[in-house]
N, C-alpha and C. Protein backbone atom coordinates (compact mmCIF):
# COMPACT_ATOMS: atom_id res chain seq x y z
N MET A 1 -19.49 -28.13 13.83
CA MET A 1 -20.01 -26.96 13.16
C MET A 1 -20.25 -25.82 14.17
N ARG A 2 -20.73 -26.19 15.35
CA ARG A 2 -20.99 -25.18 16.38
C ARG A 2 -19.71 -24.47 16.79
N ALA A 3 -18.64 -25.23 16.98
CA ALA A 3 -17.35 -24.63 17.37
C ALA A 3 -16.86 -23.68 16.28
N TYR A 4 -17.07 -24.08 15.05
CA TYR A 4 -16.67 -23.23 13.92
C TYR A 4 -17.45 -21.91 13.94
N LEU A 5 -18.74 -21.98 14.12
CA LEU A 5 -19.57 -20.77 14.13
C LEU A 5 -19.29 -19.91 15.35
N LEU A 6 -18.97 -20.53 16.49
CA LEU A 6 -18.66 -19.76 17.70
C LEU A 6 -17.39 -18.91 17.55
N LYS A 7 -16.48 -19.32 16.68
CA LYS A 7 -15.29 -18.52 16.43
C LYS A 7 -15.65 -17.14 15.88
N MET A 8 -16.77 -17.05 15.20
CA MET A 8 -17.19 -15.80 14.58
C MET A 8 -17.80 -14.83 15.58
N LYS A 9 -18.01 -15.29 16.79
CA LYS A 9 -18.60 -14.45 17.83
C LYS A 9 -17.65 -13.36 18.29
N GLY A 10 -16.37 -13.61 18.20
CA GLY A 10 -15.40 -12.64 18.73
C GLY A 10 -15.30 -12.79 20.22
N GLY A 11 -15.05 -11.69 20.90
CA GLY A 11 -14.97 -11.75 22.35
C GLY A 11 -13.90 -10.86 22.94
N ALA A 12 -12.94 -10.48 22.12
CA ALA A 12 -11.90 -9.59 22.63
C ALA A 12 -12.46 -8.18 22.78
N ARG A 13 -11.78 -7.39 23.57
CA ARG A 13 -12.20 -6.01 23.77
C ARG A 13 -11.81 -5.16 22.58
N SER A 14 -12.64 -4.18 22.29
CA SER A 14 -12.36 -3.22 21.24
C SER A 14 -11.17 -2.34 21.67
N PRO A 15 -10.27 -2.01 20.74
CA PRO A 15 -9.14 -1.18 21.13
C PRO A 15 -9.60 0.22 21.55
N PRO A 16 -8.81 0.88 22.40
CA PRO A 16 -9.20 2.23 22.84
C PRO A 16 -9.13 3.23 21.69
N GLY A 17 -9.85 4.30 21.81
CA GLY A 17 -9.79 5.36 20.82
C GLY A 17 -8.49 6.14 20.95
N VAL A 18 -8.28 7.07 20.03
CA VAL A 18 -7.08 7.90 20.07
C VAL A 18 -7.49 9.34 20.33
N GLY A 19 -6.55 10.11 20.84
CA GLY A 19 -6.80 11.50 21.16
C GLY A 19 -6.80 12.39 19.92
N PHE A 20 -7.26 13.60 20.11
CA PHE A 20 -7.37 14.57 19.03
C PHE A 20 -6.00 14.87 18.40
N THR A 21 -4.97 14.96 19.21
CA THR A 21 -3.64 15.25 18.69
C THR A 21 -3.18 14.16 17.72
N GLU A 22 -3.42 12.91 18.09
CA GLU A 22 -3.06 11.79 17.22
C GLU A 22 -3.84 11.85 15.91
N VAL A 23 -5.10 12.22 16.00
CA VAL A 23 -5.93 12.36 14.79
C VAL A 23 -5.35 13.43 13.88
N MET A 24 -4.95 14.55 14.47
CA MET A 24 -4.42 15.65 13.67
C MET A 24 -3.09 15.30 13.00
N TRP A 25 -2.20 14.61 13.70
CA TRP A 25 -0.94 14.20 13.09
C TRP A 25 -1.20 13.21 11.95
N SER A 26 -2.12 12.30 12.15
CA SER A 26 -2.47 11.34 11.10
C SER A 26 -3.07 12.05 9.89
N TRP A 27 -3.93 13.03 10.17
CA TRP A 27 -4.54 13.81 9.09
C TRP A 27 -3.47 14.57 8.31
N LEU A 28 -2.57 15.23 9.03
CA LEU A 28 -1.53 16.02 8.38
C LEU A 28 -0.64 15.14 7.49
N GLY A 29 -0.18 14.03 8.04
CA GLY A 29 0.68 13.14 7.26
C GLY A 29 0.00 12.63 6.00
N SER A 30 -1.24 12.17 6.15
CA SER A 30 -1.93 11.64 4.97
C SER A 30 -2.22 12.73 3.95
N ALA A 31 -2.58 13.93 4.43
CA ALA A 31 -2.85 15.03 3.49
C ALA A 31 -1.59 15.39 2.71
N VAL A 32 -0.48 15.52 3.40
CA VAL A 32 0.77 15.89 2.73
C VAL A 32 1.26 14.76 1.83
N GLY A 33 1.21 13.52 2.30
CA GLY A 33 1.69 12.39 1.51
C GLY A 33 0.91 12.20 0.22
N ILE A 34 -0.40 12.16 0.33
CA ILE A 34 -1.22 11.96 -0.87
C ILE A 34 -1.16 13.19 -1.78
N ALA A 35 -1.12 14.38 -1.19
CA ALA A 35 -1.00 15.60 -2.01
C ALA A 35 0.31 15.61 -2.78
N ALA A 36 1.40 15.19 -2.15
CA ALA A 36 2.69 15.16 -2.84
C ALA A 36 2.65 14.23 -4.05
N ILE A 37 2.10 13.05 -3.85
CA ILE A 37 2.00 12.10 -4.97
C ILE A 37 1.08 12.65 -6.05
N GLY A 38 -0.08 13.19 -5.65
CA GLY A 38 -1.02 13.73 -6.62
C GLY A 38 -0.44 14.91 -7.39
N PHE A 39 0.25 15.80 -6.69
CA PHE A 39 0.87 16.96 -7.34
C PHE A 39 1.92 16.51 -8.35
N LEU A 40 2.83 15.65 -7.92
CA LEU A 40 3.86 15.16 -8.83
C LEU A 40 3.26 14.41 -10.02
N SER A 41 2.20 13.67 -9.77
CA SER A 41 1.52 12.97 -10.86
C SER A 41 0.94 13.95 -11.86
N SER A 42 0.27 14.99 -11.36
CA SER A 42 -0.38 15.95 -12.27
C SER A 42 0.62 16.80 -13.04
N ILE A 43 1.75 17.11 -12.44
CA ILE A 43 2.75 17.97 -13.10
C ILE A 43 3.68 17.18 -14.03
N TYR A 44 4.15 16.02 -13.59
CA TYR A 44 5.18 15.31 -14.34
C TYR A 44 4.72 14.05 -15.07
N PHE A 45 3.73 13.36 -14.53
CA PHE A 45 3.38 12.07 -15.10
C PHE A 45 2.17 12.12 -16.04
N GLU A 46 1.11 12.77 -15.60
CA GLU A 46 -0.10 12.81 -16.43
C GLU A 46 0.11 13.52 -17.76
N PRO A 47 0.93 14.59 -17.83
CA PRO A 47 1.19 15.18 -19.16
C PRO A 47 1.90 14.22 -20.10
N ARG A 48 2.53 13.20 -19.56
CA ARG A 48 3.23 12.19 -20.36
C ARG A 48 2.39 10.92 -20.48
N ASP A 49 1.08 11.08 -20.25
CA ASP A 49 0.12 9.99 -20.37
C ASP A 49 0.42 8.82 -19.44
N SER A 50 0.86 9.16 -18.21
CA SER A 50 1.15 8.16 -17.20
C SER A 50 0.54 8.62 -15.88
N THR A 51 0.83 7.92 -14.81
CA THR A 51 0.32 8.31 -13.50
C THR A 51 1.31 7.91 -12.42
N LEU A 52 1.27 8.62 -11.33
CA LEU A 52 2.06 8.25 -10.16
C LEU A 52 1.15 7.82 -9.02
N ILE A 53 -0.13 8.10 -9.14
CA ILE A 53 -1.05 7.84 -8.03
C ILE A 53 -1.94 6.64 -8.35
N ILE A 54 -1.98 5.71 -7.41
CA ILE A 54 -2.84 4.53 -7.54
C ILE A 54 -3.63 4.38 -6.25
N GLY A 55 -4.76 3.73 -6.33
CA GLY A 55 -5.69 3.62 -5.21
C GLY A 55 -5.11 2.99 -3.96
N SER A 56 -4.19 2.08 -4.11
CA SER A 56 -3.64 1.39 -2.94
C SER A 56 -2.86 2.33 -2.03
N PHE A 57 -2.44 3.49 -2.54
CA PHE A 57 -1.73 4.44 -1.69
C PHE A 57 -2.63 5.04 -0.61
N GLY A 58 -3.92 5.07 -0.84
CA GLY A 58 -4.84 5.53 0.20
C GLY A 58 -4.78 4.62 1.41
N ALA A 59 -4.75 3.34 1.17
CA ALA A 59 -4.66 2.38 2.28
C ALA A 59 -3.28 2.41 2.94
N SER A 60 -2.24 2.62 2.15
CA SER A 60 -0.91 2.76 2.73
C SER A 60 -0.84 3.98 3.64
N ALA A 61 -1.51 5.05 3.25
CA ALA A 61 -1.53 6.26 4.07
C ALA A 61 -2.14 5.98 5.44
N VAL A 62 -3.17 5.17 5.48
CA VAL A 62 -3.78 4.81 6.77
C VAL A 62 -2.73 4.15 7.67
N LEU A 63 -1.97 3.26 7.10
CA LEU A 63 -0.97 2.54 7.90
C LEU A 63 0.19 3.43 8.32
N VAL A 64 0.81 4.14 7.37
CA VAL A 64 2.05 4.85 7.69
C VAL A 64 1.83 6.18 8.41
N TYR A 65 0.59 6.67 8.46
CA TYR A 65 0.32 7.92 9.18
C TYR A 65 -0.58 7.72 10.41
N ALA A 66 -1.34 6.64 10.45
CA ALA A 66 -2.27 6.45 11.57
C ALA A 66 -1.98 5.19 12.39
N ALA A 67 -1.30 4.22 11.83
CA ALA A 67 -0.98 2.98 12.54
C ALA A 67 0.53 2.77 12.51
N ILE A 68 1.27 3.80 12.91
CA ILE A 68 2.71 3.85 12.67
C ILE A 68 3.52 2.81 13.44
N LYS A 69 2.95 2.22 14.46
CA LYS A 69 3.66 1.19 15.21
C LYS A 69 3.42 -0.22 14.64
N SER A 70 2.47 -0.35 13.76
CA SER A 70 2.15 -1.65 13.19
C SER A 70 3.31 -2.19 12.36
N PRO A 71 3.59 -3.47 12.47
CA PRO A 71 4.61 -4.07 11.60
C PRO A 71 4.28 -3.87 10.12
N LEU A 72 3.00 -3.79 9.79
CA LEU A 72 2.57 -3.63 8.41
C LEU A 72 2.87 -2.24 7.85
N ALA A 73 3.21 -1.30 8.74
CA ALA A 73 3.46 0.09 8.33
C ALA A 73 4.95 0.43 8.25
N GLN A 74 5.81 -0.50 8.55
CA GLN A 74 7.24 -0.21 8.59
C GLN A 74 7.82 -0.12 7.17
N PRO A 75 8.94 0.61 7.00
CA PRO A 75 9.48 0.87 5.66
C PRO A 75 9.68 -0.36 4.80
N ARG A 76 10.23 -1.42 5.37
CA ARG A 76 10.45 -2.65 4.59
C ARG A 76 9.14 -3.15 4.00
N ASN A 77 8.09 -3.12 4.81
CA ASN A 77 6.79 -3.60 4.36
C ASN A 77 6.15 -2.66 3.35
N LEU A 78 6.25 -1.37 3.60
CA LEU A 78 5.67 -0.38 2.69
C LEU A 78 6.29 -0.48 1.30
N ILE A 79 7.59 -0.38 1.21
CA ILE A 79 8.26 -0.40 -0.09
C ILE A 79 8.24 -1.81 -0.69
N GLY A 80 8.68 -2.78 0.08
CA GLY A 80 8.73 -4.15 -0.42
C GLY A 80 7.37 -4.68 -0.82
N GLY A 81 6.36 -4.40 0.00
CA GLY A 81 5.01 -4.88 -0.30
C GLY A 81 4.49 -4.35 -1.63
N HIS A 82 4.69 -3.06 -1.88
CA HIS A 82 4.22 -2.49 -3.14
C HIS A 82 5.02 -2.98 -4.34
N VAL A 83 6.34 -3.00 -4.22
CA VAL A 83 7.17 -3.41 -5.36
C VAL A 83 6.96 -4.88 -5.70
N ILE A 84 7.02 -5.74 -4.71
CA ILE A 84 6.83 -7.18 -4.95
C ILE A 84 5.43 -7.44 -5.52
N SER A 85 4.43 -6.81 -4.94
CA SER A 85 3.06 -7.01 -5.43
C SER A 85 2.87 -6.46 -6.83
N GLY A 86 3.56 -5.37 -7.12
CA GLY A 86 3.50 -4.83 -8.49
C GLY A 86 4.04 -5.82 -9.50
N PHE A 87 5.20 -6.43 -9.20
CA PHE A 87 5.77 -7.44 -10.09
C PHE A 87 4.82 -8.62 -10.26
N VAL A 88 4.30 -9.10 -9.15
CA VAL A 88 3.40 -10.26 -9.18
C VAL A 88 2.15 -9.94 -10.00
N GLY A 89 1.59 -8.76 -9.79
CA GLY A 89 0.38 -8.38 -10.54
C GLY A 89 0.63 -8.31 -12.03
N VAL A 90 1.74 -7.72 -12.43
CA VAL A 90 2.06 -7.63 -13.86
C VAL A 90 2.26 -9.03 -14.44
N LEU A 91 3.00 -9.87 -13.73
CA LEU A 91 3.23 -11.24 -14.21
C LEU A 91 1.91 -11.98 -14.38
N CYS A 92 1.01 -11.86 -13.40
CA CYS A 92 -0.28 -12.55 -13.50
C CYS A 92 -1.11 -12.00 -14.66
N PHE A 93 -1.05 -10.70 -14.89
CA PHE A 93 -1.78 -10.15 -16.04
C PHE A 93 -1.20 -10.69 -17.34
N GLN A 94 0.13 -10.74 -17.42
CA GLN A 94 0.75 -11.22 -18.65
C GLN A 94 0.47 -12.70 -18.90
N LEU A 95 0.40 -13.49 -17.84
CA LEU A 95 0.17 -14.92 -18.00
C LEU A 95 -1.31 -15.29 -18.13
N PHE A 96 -2.18 -14.57 -17.41
CA PHE A 96 -3.58 -14.98 -17.33
C PHE A 96 -4.57 -13.89 -17.73
N GLY A 97 -4.07 -12.80 -18.29
CA GLY A 97 -4.91 -11.64 -18.60
C GLY A 97 -6.03 -11.90 -19.57
N MET A 98 -5.95 -12.99 -20.30
CA MET A 98 -7.05 -13.30 -21.23
C MET A 98 -8.32 -13.69 -20.48
N THR A 99 -8.19 -14.06 -19.22
CA THR A 99 -9.32 -14.32 -18.34
C THR A 99 -9.11 -13.47 -17.09
N LEU A 100 -9.68 -12.27 -17.11
CA LEU A 100 -9.38 -11.26 -16.11
C LEU A 100 -9.65 -11.71 -14.68
N TRP A 101 -10.73 -12.44 -14.45
CA TRP A 101 -11.05 -12.82 -13.08
C TRP A 101 -10.01 -13.80 -12.52
N ILE A 102 -9.44 -14.63 -13.37
CA ILE A 102 -8.39 -15.54 -12.92
C ILE A 102 -7.11 -14.75 -12.65
N ALA A 103 -6.77 -13.85 -13.55
CA ALA A 103 -5.58 -13.02 -13.36
C ALA A 103 -5.69 -12.21 -12.08
N ALA A 104 -6.87 -11.67 -11.81
CA ALA A 104 -7.09 -10.87 -10.61
C ALA A 104 -6.94 -11.72 -9.35
N ALA A 105 -7.56 -12.88 -9.35
CA ALA A 105 -7.48 -13.76 -8.18
C ALA A 105 -6.06 -14.22 -7.93
N PHE A 106 -5.35 -14.61 -8.98
CA PHE A 106 -3.97 -15.04 -8.82
C PHE A 106 -3.06 -13.89 -8.41
N ALA A 107 -3.29 -12.72 -8.96
CA ALA A 107 -2.44 -11.56 -8.61
C ALA A 107 -2.50 -11.28 -7.11
N VAL A 108 -3.71 -11.22 -6.58
CA VAL A 108 -3.85 -10.92 -5.15
C VAL A 108 -3.32 -12.06 -4.30
N SER A 109 -3.68 -13.30 -4.62
CA SER A 109 -3.26 -14.42 -3.77
C SER A 109 -1.76 -14.67 -3.85
N PHE A 110 -1.16 -14.56 -5.03
CA PHE A 110 0.29 -14.72 -5.13
C PHE A 110 1.03 -13.54 -4.52
N ALA A 111 0.44 -12.35 -4.58
CA ALA A 111 1.06 -11.19 -3.92
C ALA A 111 1.09 -11.41 -2.40
N ILE A 112 0.00 -11.88 -1.85
CA ILE A 112 -0.04 -12.17 -0.41
C ILE A 112 1.02 -13.21 -0.06
N ALA A 113 1.07 -14.28 -0.81
CA ALA A 113 2.06 -15.34 -0.53
C ALA A 113 3.48 -14.79 -0.66
N SER A 114 3.74 -14.00 -1.68
CA SER A 114 5.08 -13.43 -1.88
C SER A 114 5.46 -12.48 -0.76
N MET A 115 4.53 -11.65 -0.32
CA MET A 115 4.82 -10.73 0.78
C MET A 115 5.08 -11.51 2.07
N LEU A 116 4.30 -12.56 2.32
CA LEU A 116 4.52 -13.36 3.52
C LEU A 116 5.89 -14.03 3.48
N LEU A 117 6.25 -14.58 2.34
CA LEU A 117 7.54 -15.27 2.22
C LEU A 117 8.73 -14.33 2.35
N THR A 118 8.56 -13.06 1.96
CA THR A 118 9.66 -12.10 2.00
C THR A 118 9.59 -11.18 3.22
N LYS A 119 8.67 -11.43 4.12
CA LYS A 119 8.47 -10.62 5.33
C LYS A 119 8.21 -9.15 4.98
N THR A 120 7.42 -8.94 3.94
CA THR A 120 7.08 -7.58 3.52
C THR A 120 5.56 -7.38 3.47
N LEU A 121 4.82 -8.08 4.32
CA LEU A 121 3.36 -8.00 4.27
C LEU A 121 2.88 -6.56 4.49
N HIS A 122 2.19 -6.04 3.51
CA HIS A 122 1.62 -4.69 3.53
C HIS A 122 0.27 -4.81 2.81
N PRO A 123 -0.84 -4.84 3.54
CA PRO A 123 -2.13 -5.12 2.92
C PRO A 123 -2.45 -4.33 1.65
N PRO A 124 -2.07 -3.05 1.55
CA PRO A 124 -2.33 -2.34 0.29
C PRO A 124 -1.61 -2.97 -0.91
N GLY A 125 -0.60 -3.79 -0.66
CA GLY A 125 0.06 -4.49 -1.75
C GLY A 125 -0.89 -5.38 -2.52
N GLY A 126 -1.88 -5.94 -1.85
CA GLY A 126 -2.89 -6.73 -2.56
C GLY A 126 -3.62 -5.88 -3.59
N ALA A 127 -3.91 -4.64 -3.24
CA ALA A 127 -4.56 -3.73 -4.19
C ALA A 127 -3.60 -3.34 -5.30
N THR A 128 -2.32 -3.17 -4.98
CA THR A 128 -1.34 -2.84 -6.01
C THR A 128 -1.27 -3.96 -7.05
N ALA A 129 -1.30 -5.20 -6.61
CA ALA A 129 -1.30 -6.34 -7.53
C ALA A 129 -2.59 -6.35 -8.36
N LEU A 130 -3.71 -6.10 -7.71
CA LEU A 130 -4.99 -6.09 -8.42
C LEU A 130 -5.04 -4.97 -9.46
N ILE A 131 -4.53 -3.81 -9.12
CA ILE A 131 -4.52 -2.68 -10.06
C ILE A 131 -3.68 -3.01 -11.29
N ALA A 132 -2.61 -3.79 -11.12
CA ALA A 132 -1.80 -4.20 -12.27
C ALA A 132 -2.62 -5.00 -13.26
N VAL A 133 -3.65 -5.68 -12.78
CA VAL A 133 -4.51 -6.49 -13.64
C VAL A 133 -5.67 -5.68 -14.21
N ILE A 134 -6.34 -4.91 -13.36
CA ILE A 134 -7.58 -4.23 -13.79
C ILE A 134 -7.38 -2.75 -14.08
N GLY A 135 -6.15 -2.26 -13.99
CA GLY A 135 -5.87 -0.83 -14.10
C GLY A 135 -6.04 -0.22 -15.48
N GLY A 136 -6.22 -1.01 -16.48
CA GLY A 136 -6.44 -0.48 -17.82
C GLY A 136 -5.17 -0.36 -18.65
N GLU A 137 -5.34 0.17 -19.84
CA GLU A 137 -4.27 0.20 -20.83
C GLU A 137 -3.04 0.98 -20.37
N LYS A 138 -3.24 2.13 -19.72
CA LYS A 138 -2.09 2.92 -19.26
C LYS A 138 -1.21 2.13 -18.29
N ILE A 139 -1.86 1.41 -17.39
CA ILE A 139 -1.12 0.59 -16.43
C ILE A 139 -0.49 -0.60 -17.14
N HIS A 140 -1.23 -1.26 -18.00
CA HIS A 140 -0.71 -2.43 -18.70
C HIS A 140 0.49 -2.08 -19.58
N ASP A 141 0.46 -0.89 -20.18
CA ASP A 141 1.56 -0.47 -21.04
C ASP A 141 2.87 -0.29 -20.29
N LEU A 142 2.80 -0.09 -18.99
CA LEU A 142 4.01 0.07 -18.19
C LEU A 142 4.78 -1.24 -18.04
N GLY A 143 4.09 -2.36 -18.18
CA GLY A 143 4.75 -3.65 -17.99
C GLY A 143 5.33 -3.75 -16.59
N PHE A 144 6.50 -4.36 -16.47
CA PHE A 144 7.11 -4.55 -15.16
C PHE A 144 7.61 -3.25 -14.55
N PHE A 145 7.72 -2.20 -15.36
CA PHE A 145 8.10 -0.89 -14.84
C PHE A 145 7.06 -0.40 -13.82
N TYR A 146 5.82 -0.90 -13.91
CA TYR A 146 4.76 -0.55 -12.97
C TYR A 146 5.19 -0.80 -11.52
N ALA A 147 5.99 -1.85 -11.30
CA ALA A 147 6.43 -2.17 -9.94
C ALA A 147 7.32 -1.05 -9.36
N PHE A 148 8.03 -0.35 -10.23
CA PHE A 148 8.90 0.73 -9.79
C PHE A 148 8.22 2.09 -9.83
N MET A 149 7.40 2.29 -10.86
CA MET A 149 6.69 3.54 -11.02
C MET A 149 5.35 3.24 -11.68
N PRO A 150 4.28 3.38 -10.96
CA PRO A 150 4.05 4.19 -9.78
C PRO A 150 4.25 3.48 -8.43
N ALA A 151 4.24 2.15 -8.40
CA ALA A 151 4.18 1.45 -7.10
C ALA A 151 5.35 1.78 -6.17
N GLY A 152 6.57 1.58 -6.62
CA GLY A 152 7.72 1.82 -5.76
C GLY A 152 7.98 3.29 -5.46
N LEU A 153 7.92 4.12 -6.49
CA LEU A 153 8.19 5.55 -6.30
C LEU A 153 7.13 6.20 -5.42
N GLY A 154 5.88 5.88 -5.65
CA GLY A 154 4.81 6.43 -4.80
C GLY A 154 4.97 6.01 -3.35
N ALA A 155 5.32 4.74 -3.13
CA ALA A 155 5.54 4.25 -1.76
C ALA A 155 6.73 4.97 -1.13
N LEU A 156 7.77 5.23 -1.91
CA LEU A 156 8.93 5.96 -1.39
C LEU A 156 8.55 7.38 -0.97
N ILE A 157 7.72 8.03 -1.75
CA ILE A 157 7.27 9.39 -1.39
C ILE A 157 6.46 9.34 -0.09
N LEU A 158 5.56 8.37 0.03
CA LEU A 158 4.81 8.22 1.29
C LEU A 158 5.77 8.00 2.46
N LEU A 159 6.82 7.23 2.26
CA LEU A 159 7.80 6.97 3.31
C LEU A 159 8.53 8.24 3.71
N ILE A 160 8.97 9.01 2.75
CA ILE A 160 9.70 10.25 3.04
C ILE A 160 8.83 11.20 3.85
N VAL A 161 7.57 11.34 3.45
CA VAL A 161 6.65 12.20 4.19
C VAL A 161 6.39 11.62 5.58
N ALA A 162 6.27 10.31 5.69
CA ALA A 162 6.05 9.67 7.00
C ALA A 162 7.22 9.92 7.93
N LEU A 163 8.43 9.83 7.42
CA LEU A 163 9.61 10.10 8.24
C LEU A 163 9.61 11.54 8.75
N ALA A 164 9.24 12.45 7.87
CA ALA A 164 9.25 13.88 8.24
C ALA A 164 8.12 14.20 9.22
N VAL A 165 6.89 13.86 8.88
CA VAL A 165 5.73 14.28 9.66
C VAL A 165 5.60 13.49 10.96
N ASN A 166 5.77 12.18 10.90
CA ASN A 166 5.56 11.36 12.09
C ASN A 166 6.55 11.66 13.21
N ASN A 167 7.68 12.23 12.87
CA ASN A 167 8.69 12.52 13.89
C ASN A 167 8.67 13.97 14.36
N LEU A 168 7.74 14.78 13.85
CA LEU A 168 7.60 16.16 14.33
C LEU A 168 7.08 16.21 15.76
N SER A 169 6.18 15.32 16.09
CA SER A 169 5.60 15.28 17.42
C SER A 169 6.55 14.60 18.40
N LYS A 170 6.63 15.12 19.61
CA LYS A 170 7.47 14.49 20.63
C LYS A 170 6.89 13.14 21.07
N ASP A 171 5.62 12.90 20.77
CA ASP A 171 4.95 11.67 21.20
C ASP A 171 4.90 10.58 20.13
N ARG A 172 5.48 10.86 18.98
CA ARG A 172 5.45 9.89 17.88
C ARG A 172 6.87 9.58 17.43
N LYS A 173 7.09 8.32 17.02
CA LYS A 173 8.38 7.88 16.51
C LYS A 173 8.13 6.93 15.35
N TYR A 174 8.74 7.21 14.22
CA TYR A 174 8.60 6.35 13.06
C TYR A 174 9.93 6.33 12.31
N PRO A 175 10.41 5.18 11.92
CA PRO A 175 9.81 3.85 12.03
C PRO A 175 10.19 3.16 13.34
N GLU A 176 9.54 2.07 13.57
CA GLU A 176 9.91 1.21 14.70
C GLU A 176 11.20 0.46 14.37
N TYR A 177 11.36 0.07 13.09
CA TYR A 177 12.55 -0.60 12.60
C TYR A 177 12.56 -0.48 11.08
N TRP A 178 13.72 -0.67 10.49
CA TRP A 178 13.85 -0.61 9.02
C TRP A 178 13.78 -2.00 8.40
N PHE A 179 14.48 -2.96 8.97
CA PHE A 179 14.53 -4.30 8.37
C PHE A 179 14.25 -5.30 9.40
């Protein structure tokens, strides 16, 4: 038991901070990426009683604009993680939605397993799967289309903005790899 509890002590050094320039590039990318999705959602999707913006895109923005070297932020993970998790979340809602807490637990856990098996691990994908379950009637009405829109299309917009903004600086390069 002592060895188990000692694992929780940690011990590694905290990572170094980042400079002001890096903060500004991360801010710019996330502002433009989320604004683009929000604008398109308000102009084209919300008037049609739909949405393009989901909460998990906030977490994706952290990865693709501020942690651009992370394997979790690369294009395969960004797009694949959201699309696969969207499918898994919808399937879990359809199979277990009569008991929401079970559907929610299965959606997240099966999304994680699916992303690991397909090498598309993207932590916001867990939220994308969860939103498929708890997102309400508008999300549920999308069915499996949810995996493509808003999940896939929104992730694609974040990727396009990440490619443009992250490569403006001479000190930044994105992506590290595609596949």
